[in-house]
N, C-alpha and C. Protein backbone atom coordinates (compact mmCIF):
# COMPACT_ATOMS: atom_id res chain seq x y z
N UNK A 1 -66.12 -15.80 33.25
CA UNK A 1 -64.81 -15.34 33.60
C UNK A 1 -64.67 -13.87 33.20
N UNK A 2 -63.94 -13.12 34.01
CA UNK A 2 -63.83 -11.66 33.87
C UNK A 2 -63.32 -11.24 32.50
N UNK A 3 -62.17 -11.79 32.09
CA UNK A 3 -61.58 -11.34 30.83
C UNK A 3 -62.46 -11.68 29.63
N UNK A 4 -63.14 -12.80 29.69
CA UNK A 4 -64.01 -13.20 28.59
C UNK A 4 -65.19 -12.23 28.46
N UNK A 5 -65.74 -11.81 29.60
CA UNK A 5 -66.85 -10.85 29.57
C UNK A 5 -66.41 -9.51 28.98
N UNK A 6 -65.21 -9.08 29.33
CA UNK A 6 -64.69 -7.82 28.79
C UNK A 6 -64.43 -7.95 27.29
N UNK A 7 -63.80 -9.05 26.90
CA UNK A 7 -63.45 -9.26 25.49
C UNK A 7 -64.67 -9.35 24.58
N UNK A 8 -65.78 -9.76 25.10
CA UNK A 8 -66.97 -9.93 24.29
C UNK A 8 -67.74 -8.63 24.06
N UNK A 9 -67.31 -7.54 24.69
CA UNK A 9 -68.03 -6.28 24.53
C UNK A 9 -67.68 -5.62 23.20
N UNK A 10 -68.62 -4.86 22.70
CA UNK A 10 -68.41 -4.11 21.47
C UNK A 10 -67.30 -3.08 21.66
N UNK A 11 -67.23 -2.50 22.85
CA UNK A 11 -66.18 -1.51 23.14
C UNK A 11 -64.80 -2.12 22.95
N UNK A 12 -64.58 -3.31 23.53
CA UNK A 12 -63.28 -3.98 23.45
C UNK A 12 -62.92 -4.28 22.00
N UNK A 13 -63.85 -4.87 21.29
CA UNK A 13 -63.58 -5.24 19.89
C UNK A 13 -63.36 -4.01 19.02
N UNK A 14 -64.14 -2.96 19.27
CA UNK A 14 -63.98 -1.72 18.50
C UNK A 14 -62.64 -1.05 18.80
N UNK A 15 -62.25 -1.08 20.05
CA UNK A 15 -60.97 -0.50 20.45
C UNK A 15 -59.81 -1.20 19.76
N UNK A 16 -59.83 -2.52 19.76
CA UNK A 16 -58.77 -3.27 19.10
C UNK A 16 -58.79 -3.04 17.59
N UNK A 17 -59.98 -2.99 17.01
CA UNK A 17 -60.09 -2.71 15.58
C UNK A 17 -59.50 -1.35 15.25
N UNK A 18 -59.83 -0.35 16.06
CA UNK A 18 -59.32 1.00 15.84
C UNK A 18 -57.80 1.04 15.97
N UNK A 19 -57.27 0.36 16.97
CA UNK A 19 -55.81 0.33 17.14
C UNK A 19 -55.14 -0.32 15.94
N UNK A 20 -55.67 -1.45 15.51
CA UNK A 20 -55.08 -2.13 14.35
C UNK A 20 -55.18 -1.25 13.10
N UNK A 21 -56.31 -0.58 12.93
CA UNK A 21 -56.48 0.29 11.76
C UNK A 21 -55.47 1.43 11.78
N UNK A 22 -55.28 2.05 12.94
CA UNK A 22 -54.31 3.14 13.04
C UNK A 22 -52.91 2.63 12.73
N UNK A 23 -52.56 1.45 13.27
CA UNK A 23 -51.23 0.90 13.00
C UNK A 23 -51.03 0.61 11.51
N UNK A 24 -52.02 0.04 10.87
CA UNK A 24 -51.91 -0.30 9.45
C UNK A 24 -51.85 0.96 8.59
N UNK A 25 -52.74 1.89 8.85
CA UNK A 25 -52.79 3.12 8.05
C UNK A 25 -51.51 3.93 8.22
N UNK A 26 -51.04 4.08 9.45
CA UNK A 26 -49.81 4.86 9.67
C UNK A 26 -48.59 4.15 9.07
N UNK A 27 -48.56 2.84 9.13
CA UNK A 27 -47.45 2.10 8.52
C UNK A 27 -47.42 2.34 7.01
N UNK A 28 -48.56 2.19 6.37
CA UNK A 28 -48.63 2.43 4.92
C UNK A 28 -48.30 3.88 4.59
N UNK A 29 -48.80 4.81 5.39
CA UNK A 29 -48.53 6.23 5.13
C UNK A 29 -47.04 6.53 5.18
N UNK A 30 -46.36 5.98 6.17
CA UNK A 30 -44.91 6.21 6.28
C UNK A 30 -44.17 5.62 5.08
N UNK A 31 -44.53 4.41 4.70
CA UNK A 31 -43.87 3.77 3.55
C UNK A 31 -44.12 4.57 2.27
N UNK A 32 -45.35 5.00 2.06
CA UNK A 32 -45.69 5.76 0.85
C UNK A 32 -44.96 7.10 0.83
N UNK A 33 -44.98 7.81 1.95
CA UNK A 33 -44.32 9.12 2.01
C UNK A 33 -42.82 8.98 1.80
N UNK A 34 -42.20 8.01 2.47
CA UNK A 34 -40.76 7.82 2.32
C UNK A 34 -40.39 7.41 0.90
N UNK A 35 -41.21 6.57 0.27
CA UNK A 35 -40.95 6.16 -1.12
C UNK A 35 -41.09 7.35 -2.06
N UNK A 36 -42.15 8.12 -1.87
CA UNK A 36 -42.37 9.31 -2.69
C UNK A 36 -41.24 10.31 -2.49
N UNK A 37 -40.83 10.46 -1.26
CA UNK A 37 -39.74 11.37 -0.92
C UNK A 37 -38.46 10.96 -1.66
N UNK A 38 -38.12 9.67 -1.61
CA UNK A 38 -36.92 9.17 -2.29
C UNK A 38 -37.04 9.35 -3.81
N UNK A 39 -38.21 9.06 -4.35
CA UNK A 39 -38.44 9.21 -5.78
C UNK A 39 -38.25 10.66 -6.22
N UNK A 40 -38.86 11.57 -5.49
CA UNK A 40 -38.73 12.99 -5.84
C UNK A 40 -37.30 13.48 -5.69
N UNK A 41 -36.63 13.06 -4.64
CA UNK A 41 -35.28 13.55 -4.39
C UNK A 41 -34.27 12.99 -5.38
N UNK A 42 -34.30 11.68 -5.62
CA UNK A 42 -33.23 11.06 -6.40
C UNK A 42 -33.56 10.90 -7.88
N UNK A 43 -34.82 10.90 -8.25
CA UNK A 43 -35.18 10.76 -9.66
C UNK A 43 -35.48 12.13 -10.26
N UNK A 44 -36.30 12.91 -9.58
CA UNK A 44 -36.72 14.20 -10.12
C UNK A 44 -35.91 15.38 -9.58
N UNK A 45 -34.93 15.11 -8.73
CA UNK A 45 -34.02 16.14 -8.19
C UNK A 45 -34.77 17.31 -7.53
N UNK A 46 -35.84 16.99 -6.82
CA UNK A 46 -36.59 18.01 -6.09
C UNK A 46 -36.81 17.51 -4.67
N UNK A 47 -37.42 18.33 -3.85
CA UNK A 47 -37.60 17.95 -2.45
C UNK A 47 -39.04 18.19 -2.03
N UNK A 48 -39.50 17.38 -1.09
CA UNK A 48 -40.82 17.58 -0.49
C UNK A 48 -40.59 18.35 0.80
N UNK A 49 -40.72 19.66 0.71
CA UNK A 49 -40.42 20.54 1.83
C UNK A 49 -41.28 20.21 3.06
N UNK A 50 -40.63 19.93 4.18
CA UNK A 50 -41.32 19.70 5.43
C UNK A 50 -41.90 18.32 5.64
N UNK A 51 -41.64 17.40 4.73
CA UNK A 51 -42.23 16.07 4.86
C UNK A 51 -41.72 15.31 6.08
N UNK A 52 -40.50 15.63 6.52
CA UNK A 52 -40.00 14.95 7.72
C UNK A 52 -40.87 15.26 8.94
N UNK A 53 -41.47 16.44 8.95
CA UNK A 53 -42.38 16.79 10.05
C UNK A 53 -43.64 15.94 10.01
N UNK A 54 -44.15 15.70 8.83
CA UNK A 54 -45.34 14.86 8.68
C UNK A 54 -45.02 13.42 9.08
N UNK A 55 -43.87 12.93 8.63
CA UNK A 55 -43.47 11.56 8.94
C UNK A 55 -43.30 11.38 10.45
N UNK A 56 -42.72 12.37 11.11
CA UNK A 56 -42.53 12.27 12.57
C UNK A 56 -43.87 12.19 13.28
N UNK A 57 -44.83 13.01 12.88
CA UNK A 57 -46.16 12.97 13.51
C UNK A 57 -46.83 11.62 13.29
N UNK A 58 -46.75 11.12 12.08
CA UNK A 58 -47.35 9.82 11.78
C UNK A 58 -46.64 8.72 12.56
N UNK A 59 -45.31 8.82 12.64
CA UNK A 59 -44.53 7.81 13.37
C UNK A 59 -44.88 7.80 14.86
N UNK A 60 -45.15 8.98 15.42
CA UNK A 60 -45.58 9.04 16.82
C UNK A 60 -46.84 8.21 17.03
N UNK A 61 -47.82 8.40 16.14
CA UNK A 61 -49.08 7.65 16.26
C UNK A 61 -48.85 6.16 16.07
N UNK A 62 -48.02 5.79 15.12
CA UNK A 62 -47.70 4.37 14.91
C UNK A 62 -47.04 3.79 16.15
N UNK A 63 -46.04 4.46 16.66
CA UNK A 63 -45.28 3.94 17.79
C UNK A 63 -46.16 3.77 19.03
N UNK A 64 -46.92 4.76 19.38
CA UNK A 64 -47.69 4.68 20.62
C UNK A 64 -48.94 3.80 20.51
N UNK A 65 -49.51 3.68 19.32
CA UNK A 65 -50.57 2.69 19.12
C UNK A 65 -49.99 1.28 19.22
N UNK A 66 -48.84 1.08 18.60
CA UNK A 66 -48.19 -0.24 18.66
C UNK A 66 -47.76 -0.56 20.09
N UNK A 67 -47.32 0.44 20.83
CA UNK A 67 -46.95 0.24 22.23
C UNK A 67 -48.14 -0.24 23.04
N UNK A 68 -49.27 0.43 22.91
CA UNK A 68 -50.45 0.03 23.68
C UNK A 68 -50.98 -1.32 23.21
N UNK A 69 -50.87 -1.59 21.92
CA UNK A 69 -51.31 -2.89 21.40
C UNK A 69 -50.40 -4.00 21.94
N UNK A 70 -49.12 -3.71 22.08
CA UNK A 70 -48.19 -4.70 22.65
C UNK A 70 -48.53 -4.99 24.10
N UNK A 71 -49.00 -3.99 24.84
CA UNK A 71 -49.44 -4.23 26.22
C UNK A 71 -50.67 -5.13 26.20
N UNK A 72 -51.61 -4.86 25.31
CA UNK A 72 -52.78 -5.73 25.17
C UNK A 72 -52.36 -7.16 24.84
N UNK A 73 -51.45 -7.30 23.90
CA UNK A 73 -51.02 -8.60 23.39
C UNK A 73 -50.00 -9.28 24.31
N UNK A 74 -49.55 -8.56 25.32
CA UNK A 74 -48.52 -9.03 26.25
C UNK A 74 -47.23 -9.39 25.52
N UNK A 75 -46.93 -8.64 24.48
CA UNK A 75 -45.70 -8.85 23.74
C UNK A 75 -44.74 -7.67 23.92
N UNK A 76 -45.04 -6.80 24.89
CA UNK A 76 -44.18 -5.66 25.16
C UNK A 76 -42.91 -6.12 25.87
N UNK A 77 -41.92 -5.25 25.89
CA UNK A 77 -40.67 -5.55 26.57
C UNK A 77 -40.95 -5.57 28.07
N UNK A 78 -40.50 -6.63 28.72
CA UNK A 78 -40.73 -6.73 30.16
C UNK A 78 -39.58 -7.48 30.81
N UNK A 79 -39.38 -7.20 32.06
CA UNK A 79 -38.34 -7.88 32.83
C UNK A 79 -39.00 -9.04 33.56
N UNK A 80 -39.02 -10.20 32.94
CA UNK A 80 -39.72 -11.34 33.53
C UNK A 80 -38.79 -12.50 33.83
N UNK A 81 -37.54 -12.19 34.17
CA UNK A 81 -36.59 -13.25 34.49
C UNK A 81 -36.97 -13.92 35.80
N UNK A 82 -37.25 -13.13 36.83
CA UNK A 82 -37.60 -13.70 38.14
C UNK A 82 -38.85 -14.58 38.07
N UNK A 83 -39.96 -14.09 37.50
CA UNK A 83 -41.14 -14.96 37.43
C UNK A 83 -40.92 -16.24 36.64
N UNK A 84 -40.06 -16.19 35.63
CA UNK A 84 -39.83 -17.41 34.84
C UNK A 84 -39.09 -18.48 35.62
N UNK A 85 -38.44 -18.10 36.71
CA UNK A 85 -37.73 -19.07 37.55
C UNK A 85 -38.65 -19.70 38.59
N UNK A 86 -39.85 -19.18 38.72
CA UNK A 86 -40.78 -19.67 39.72
C UNK A 86 -41.72 -20.71 39.12
N UNK A 87 -42.30 -21.53 39.99
CA UNK A 87 -43.30 -22.49 39.49
C UNK A 87 -44.60 -21.74 39.18
N UNK A 88 -45.53 -22.43 38.54
CA UNK A 88 -46.78 -21.79 38.08
C UNK A 88 -47.57 -21.16 39.23
N UNK A 89 -47.59 -21.82 40.37
CA UNK A 89 -48.35 -21.30 41.51
C UNK A 89 -47.77 -19.96 41.96
N UNK A 90 -46.46 -19.90 42.11
CA UNK A 90 -45.82 -18.66 42.55
C UNK A 90 -45.91 -17.57 41.47
N UNK A 91 -45.88 -17.98 40.22
CA UNK A 91 -46.05 -17.00 39.14
C UNK A 91 -47.42 -16.33 39.23
N UNK A 92 -48.46 -17.13 39.51
CA UNK A 92 -49.81 -16.57 39.64
C UNK A 92 -49.92 -15.65 40.85
N UNK A 93 -49.13 -15.93 41.89
CA UNK A 93 -49.18 -15.08 43.08
C UNK A 93 -48.41 -13.77 42.89
N UNK A 94 -47.37 -13.78 42.06
CA UNK A 94 -46.57 -12.57 41.87
C UNK A 94 -47.13 -11.66 40.77
N UNK A 95 -47.93 -12.23 39.86
CA UNK A 95 -48.46 -11.45 38.73
C UNK A 95 -49.21 -10.18 39.14
N UNK A 96 -50.07 -10.22 40.17
CA UNK A 96 -50.78 -8.97 40.53
C UNK A 96 -49.83 -7.84 40.89
N UNK A 97 -48.72 -8.15 41.55
CA UNK A 97 -47.76 -7.11 41.90
C UNK A 97 -47.09 -6.53 40.66
N UNK A 98 -46.76 -7.39 39.72
CA UNK A 98 -46.13 -6.93 38.48
C UNK A 98 -47.09 -6.06 37.66
N UNK A 99 -48.35 -6.50 37.57
CA UNK A 99 -49.33 -5.71 36.82
C UNK A 99 -49.67 -4.42 37.55
N UNK A 100 -49.64 -4.44 38.88
CA UNK A 100 -49.88 -3.21 39.64
C UNK A 100 -48.77 -2.20 39.36
N UNK A 101 -47.53 -2.66 39.32
CA UNK A 101 -46.41 -1.76 38.99
C UNK A 101 -46.56 -1.19 37.59
N UNK A 102 -46.93 -2.04 36.65
CA UNK A 102 -47.11 -1.58 35.27
C UNK A 102 -48.27 -0.58 35.20
N UNK A 103 -49.35 -0.86 35.90
CA UNK A 103 -50.50 0.04 35.91
C UNK A 103 -50.12 1.40 36.51
N UNK A 104 -49.40 1.37 37.62
CA UNK A 104 -48.97 2.63 38.26
C UNK A 104 -48.08 3.43 37.31
N UNK A 105 -47.13 2.75 36.67
CA UNK A 105 -46.24 3.44 35.72
C UNK A 105 -47.04 4.04 34.57
N UNK A 106 -47.98 3.29 34.03
CA UNK A 106 -48.79 3.79 32.90
C UNK A 106 -49.66 4.97 33.32
N UNK A 107 -50.17 4.94 34.54
CA UNK A 107 -50.98 6.06 35.03
C UNK A 107 -50.11 7.30 35.19
N UNK A 108 -48.91 7.13 35.76
CA UNK A 108 -47.99 8.26 35.91
C UNK A 108 -47.63 8.84 34.55
N UNK A 109 -47.29 7.98 33.59
CA UNK A 109 -46.95 8.45 32.25
C UNK A 109 -48.15 9.10 31.57
N UNK A 110 -49.35 8.62 31.86
CA UNK A 110 -50.56 9.23 31.30
C UNK A 110 -50.74 10.65 31.83
N UNK A 111 -50.50 10.81 33.12
CA UNK A 111 -50.61 12.15 33.73
C UNK A 111 -49.58 13.09 33.13
N UNK A 112 -48.35 12.62 33.03
CA UNK A 112 -47.30 13.46 32.44
C UNK A 112 -47.61 13.81 30.98
N UNK A 113 -48.09 12.83 30.24
CA UNK A 113 -48.39 13.11 28.84
C UNK A 113 -49.61 14.02 28.70
N UNK A 114 -50.55 13.93 29.63
CA UNK A 114 -51.66 14.89 29.62
C UNK A 114 -51.13 16.30 29.82
N UNK A 115 -50.21 16.46 30.77
CA UNK A 115 -49.61 17.78 30.99
C UNK A 115 -48.90 18.28 29.73
N UNK A 116 -48.23 17.38 29.03
CA UNK A 116 -47.54 17.76 27.80
C UNK A 116 -48.53 18.20 26.72
N UNK A 117 -49.60 17.42 26.56
CA UNK A 117 -50.63 17.78 25.57
C UNK A 117 -51.26 19.12 25.94
N UNK A 118 -51.58 19.29 27.21
CA UNK A 118 -52.21 20.53 27.65
C UNK A 118 -51.29 21.73 27.38
N UNK A 119 -50.02 21.58 27.75
CA UNK A 119 -49.06 22.66 27.53
C UNK A 119 -48.95 22.99 26.04
N UNK A 120 -48.80 21.95 25.22
CA UNK A 120 -48.62 22.21 23.78
C UNK A 120 -49.90 22.72 23.13
N UNK A 121 -51.05 22.42 23.70
CA UNK A 121 -52.30 22.96 23.18
C UNK A 121 -52.46 24.43 23.56
N UNK A 122 -52.13 24.75 24.81
CA UNK A 122 -52.29 26.12 25.29
C UNK A 122 -51.23 27.05 24.69
N UNK A 123 -49.99 26.60 24.68
CA UNK A 123 -48.89 27.45 24.20
C UNK A 123 -48.79 27.48 22.68
N UNK A 124 -49.38 26.51 22.01
CA UNK A 124 -49.47 26.43 20.55
C UNK A 124 -48.13 26.42 19.81
N UNK A 125 -47.14 25.64 20.28
CA UNK A 125 -45.92 25.53 19.47
C UNK A 125 -46.22 24.72 18.21
N UNK A 126 -45.53 25.04 17.14
CA UNK A 126 -45.73 24.34 15.87
C UNK A 126 -44.38 23.95 15.27
N UNK A 127 -44.44 23.07 14.29
CA UNK A 127 -43.22 22.67 13.59
C UNK A 127 -42.72 23.85 12.75
N UNK A 128 -41.44 23.83 12.45
CA UNK A 128 -40.81 24.96 11.76
C UNK A 128 -41.31 25.15 10.33
N UNK A 129 -41.35 24.09 9.56
CA UNK A 129 -41.63 24.22 8.13
C UNK A 129 -43.12 24.33 7.81
N UNK A 130 -43.90 23.38 8.30
CA UNK A 130 -45.32 23.32 7.92
C UNK A 130 -46.27 23.89 8.97
N UNK A 131 -45.75 24.20 10.14
CA UNK A 131 -46.59 24.77 11.19
C UNK A 131 -47.59 23.79 11.78
N UNK A 132 -47.23 22.50 11.81
CA UNK A 132 -48.11 21.48 12.40
C UNK A 132 -48.08 21.64 13.92
N UNK A 133 -49.23 21.74 14.57
CA UNK A 133 -49.25 21.88 16.03
C UNK A 133 -48.62 20.66 16.72
N UNK A 134 -47.78 20.93 17.71
CA UNK A 134 -47.12 19.85 18.44
C UNK A 134 -48.11 18.95 19.16
N UNK A 135 -49.24 19.53 19.58
CA UNK A 135 -50.19 18.72 20.36
C UNK A 135 -50.71 17.53 19.58
N UNK A 136 -50.68 17.58 18.24
CA UNK A 136 -51.13 16.43 17.45
C UNK A 136 -50.23 15.21 17.68
N UNK A 137 -48.95 15.43 17.75
CA UNK A 137 -48.03 14.34 18.05
C UNK A 137 -48.07 13.96 19.52
N UNK A 138 -48.16 14.97 20.38
CA UNK A 138 -48.20 14.70 21.82
C UNK A 138 -49.45 13.94 22.23
N UNK A 139 -50.53 14.15 21.51
CA UNK A 139 -51.78 13.44 21.81
C UNK A 139 -51.61 11.93 21.66
N UNK A 140 -50.78 11.52 20.72
CA UNK A 140 -50.54 10.09 20.53
C UNK A 140 -49.89 9.46 21.76
N UNK A 141 -49.04 10.23 22.44
CA UNK A 141 -48.40 9.72 23.66
C UNK A 141 -49.45 9.50 24.73
N UNK A 142 -50.33 10.49 24.90
CA UNK A 142 -51.39 10.37 25.89
C UNK A 142 -52.31 9.19 25.59
N UNK A 143 -52.76 9.08 24.35
CA UNK A 143 -53.66 7.98 23.97
C UNK A 143 -52.98 6.64 24.19
N UNK A 144 -51.72 6.54 23.79
CA UNK A 144 -50.97 5.29 23.96
C UNK A 144 -50.85 4.87 25.41
N UNK A 145 -50.52 5.81 26.29
CA UNK A 145 -50.37 5.45 27.70
C UNK A 145 -51.71 5.21 28.39
N UNK A 146 -52.75 5.93 28.00
CA UNK A 146 -54.08 5.67 28.57
C UNK A 146 -54.54 4.26 28.19
N UNK A 147 -54.35 3.89 26.93
CA UNK A 147 -54.72 2.54 26.50
C UNK A 147 -53.87 1.49 27.21
N UNK A 148 -52.59 1.76 27.37
CA UNK A 148 -51.72 0.83 28.09
C UNK A 148 -52.18 0.68 29.54
N UNK A 149 -52.56 1.79 30.17
CA UNK A 149 -53.06 1.73 31.54
C UNK A 149 -54.37 0.93 31.60
N UNK A 150 -55.23 1.11 30.62
CA UNK A 150 -56.48 0.36 30.56
C UNK A 150 -56.21 -1.14 30.51
N UNK A 151 -55.34 -1.56 29.59
CA UNK A 151 -55.03 -2.99 29.47
C UNK A 151 -54.33 -3.50 30.72
N UNK A 152 -53.41 -2.72 31.27
CA UNK A 152 -52.72 -3.13 32.49
C UNK A 152 -53.71 -3.28 33.64
N UNK A 153 -54.71 -2.40 33.70
CA UNK A 153 -55.74 -2.50 34.73
C UNK A 153 -56.57 -3.76 34.59
N UNK A 154 -56.94 -4.09 33.36
CA UNK A 154 -57.69 -5.33 33.11
C UNK A 154 -56.86 -6.54 33.54
N UNK A 155 -55.59 -6.55 33.15
CA UNK A 155 -54.72 -7.68 33.50
C UNK A 155 -54.45 -7.75 35.00
N UNK A 156 -54.40 -6.58 35.65
CA UNK A 156 -54.22 -6.57 37.10
C UNK A 156 -55.41 -7.24 37.78
N UNK A 157 -56.61 -6.86 37.39
CA UNK A 157 -57.82 -7.45 37.98
C UNK A 157 -57.86 -8.95 37.71
N UNK A 158 -57.56 -9.34 36.48
CA UNK A 158 -57.55 -10.76 36.11
C UNK A 158 -56.52 -11.53 36.94
N UNK A 159 -55.31 -10.98 37.05
CA UNK A 159 -54.25 -11.69 37.79
C UNK A 159 -54.56 -11.72 39.28
N UNK A 160 -55.23 -10.70 39.79
CA UNK A 160 -55.63 -10.69 41.20
C UNK A 160 -56.64 -11.80 41.46
N UNK A 161 -57.59 -11.97 40.56
CA UNK A 161 -58.58 -13.05 40.70
C UNK A 161 -57.90 -14.41 40.65
N UNK A 162 -56.93 -14.57 39.76
CA UNK A 162 -56.19 -15.83 39.68
C UNK A 162 -55.39 -16.09 40.95
N UNK A 163 -54.79 -15.03 41.51
CA UNK A 163 -54.01 -15.18 42.74
C UNK A 163 -54.90 -15.57 43.91
N UNK A 164 -56.08 -14.97 43.99
CA UNK A 164 -57.02 -15.31 45.06
C UNK A 164 -57.44 -16.78 44.93
N UNK A 165 -57.74 -17.21 43.72
CA UNK A 165 -58.11 -18.61 43.50
C UNK A 165 -56.95 -19.54 43.87
N UNK A 166 -55.74 -19.14 43.56
CA UNK A 166 -54.56 -19.94 43.89
C UNK A 166 -54.40 -20.05 45.40
N UNK A 167 -54.62 -18.93 46.11
CA UNK A 167 -54.52 -18.95 47.57
C UNK A 167 -55.60 -19.82 48.20
N UNK A 168 -56.75 -19.91 47.54
CA UNK A 168 -57.82 -20.77 48.04
C UNK A 168 -57.54 -22.24 47.77
N UNK A 169 -56.44 -22.50 47.07
CA UNK A 169 -56.05 -23.88 46.82
C UNK A 169 -56.56 -24.45 45.52
N UNK A 170 -57.20 -23.62 44.72
CA UNK A 170 -57.70 -24.10 43.44
C UNK A 170 -56.61 -23.96 42.40
N UNK A 171 -56.52 -24.92 41.50
CA UNK A 171 -55.54 -24.85 40.42
C UNK A 171 -56.17 -24.05 39.30
N UNK A 172 -56.11 -22.75 39.42
CA UNK A 172 -56.75 -21.85 38.47
C UNK A 172 -55.82 -21.60 37.31
N UNK A 173 -56.34 -21.75 36.12
CA UNK A 173 -55.56 -21.39 34.93
C UNK A 173 -56.50 -20.81 33.89
N UNK A 174 -55.92 -20.11 32.93
CA UNK A 174 -56.71 -19.47 31.88
C UNK A 174 -57.33 -20.51 30.97
N UNK A 175 -58.29 -20.07 30.17
CA UNK A 175 -58.96 -20.97 29.23
C UNK A 175 -58.00 -21.50 28.18
N UNK A 176 -57.05 -20.69 27.78
CA UNK A 176 -56.13 -21.09 26.72
C UNK A 176 -54.91 -21.79 27.31
N UNK A 177 -54.16 -22.46 26.46
CA UNK A 177 -52.95 -23.14 26.91
C UNK A 177 -51.92 -22.13 27.37
N UNK A 178 -51.80 -21.03 26.67
CA UNK A 178 -50.85 -19.99 27.02
C UNK A 178 -51.55 -19.01 27.95
N UNK A 179 -51.14 -18.98 29.21
CA UNK A 179 -51.82 -18.14 30.18
C UNK A 179 -51.68 -16.66 29.87
N UNK A 180 -50.62 -16.29 29.15
CA UNK A 180 -50.40 -14.89 28.84
C UNK A 180 -51.16 -14.43 27.61
N UNK A 181 -51.74 -15.34 26.87
CA UNK A 181 -52.45 -14.95 25.65
C UNK A 181 -53.78 -14.32 26.02
N UNK A 182 -54.07 -13.22 25.41
CA UNK A 182 -55.33 -12.52 25.64
C UNK A 182 -55.97 -12.37 24.28
N UNK A 183 -56.34 -13.48 23.70
CA UNK A 183 -56.72 -13.55 22.30
C UNK A 183 -58.22 -13.35 22.16
N UNK A 184 -58.61 -12.71 21.07
CA UNK A 184 -60.03 -12.54 20.79
C UNK A 184 -60.66 -13.81 20.32
């Protein structure tokens, strides 16, 4: 099966490991920085100059890694009221169209975010206090949408194969009980 072959690759497993690592590290970094910030401000009556700029950059990476991971996990926000009203056969037939729309949107956002990264790299804008280049934060947007497009593309191909099997009259379903689960 297509998705199983993809999931078994070292690339797939490494990609998911890297995403999880970035999410964990950035989460801890934000908690540590915010705790240190509060301690310095309210206990020692001093300030960590420019730390909000660091937190924003880290938060960008956390948010967009989590966004792409949610697309992988199929736990992202989606408008699935119509498909939930359909029977399983019709759901399998409509899924390729939904994933195609998601893939197209992710590709468009990837192109726009590439333009943003390119602009911020060429023009070299930086944060006010610490002079952190904007492209570091903007790069997280590009990476997040490229990964989302990758996962949406995989799911589009998978759902297209399921729709073809359904049209052939076969009762095609995923290996797992939950058809939306894409578990390792």
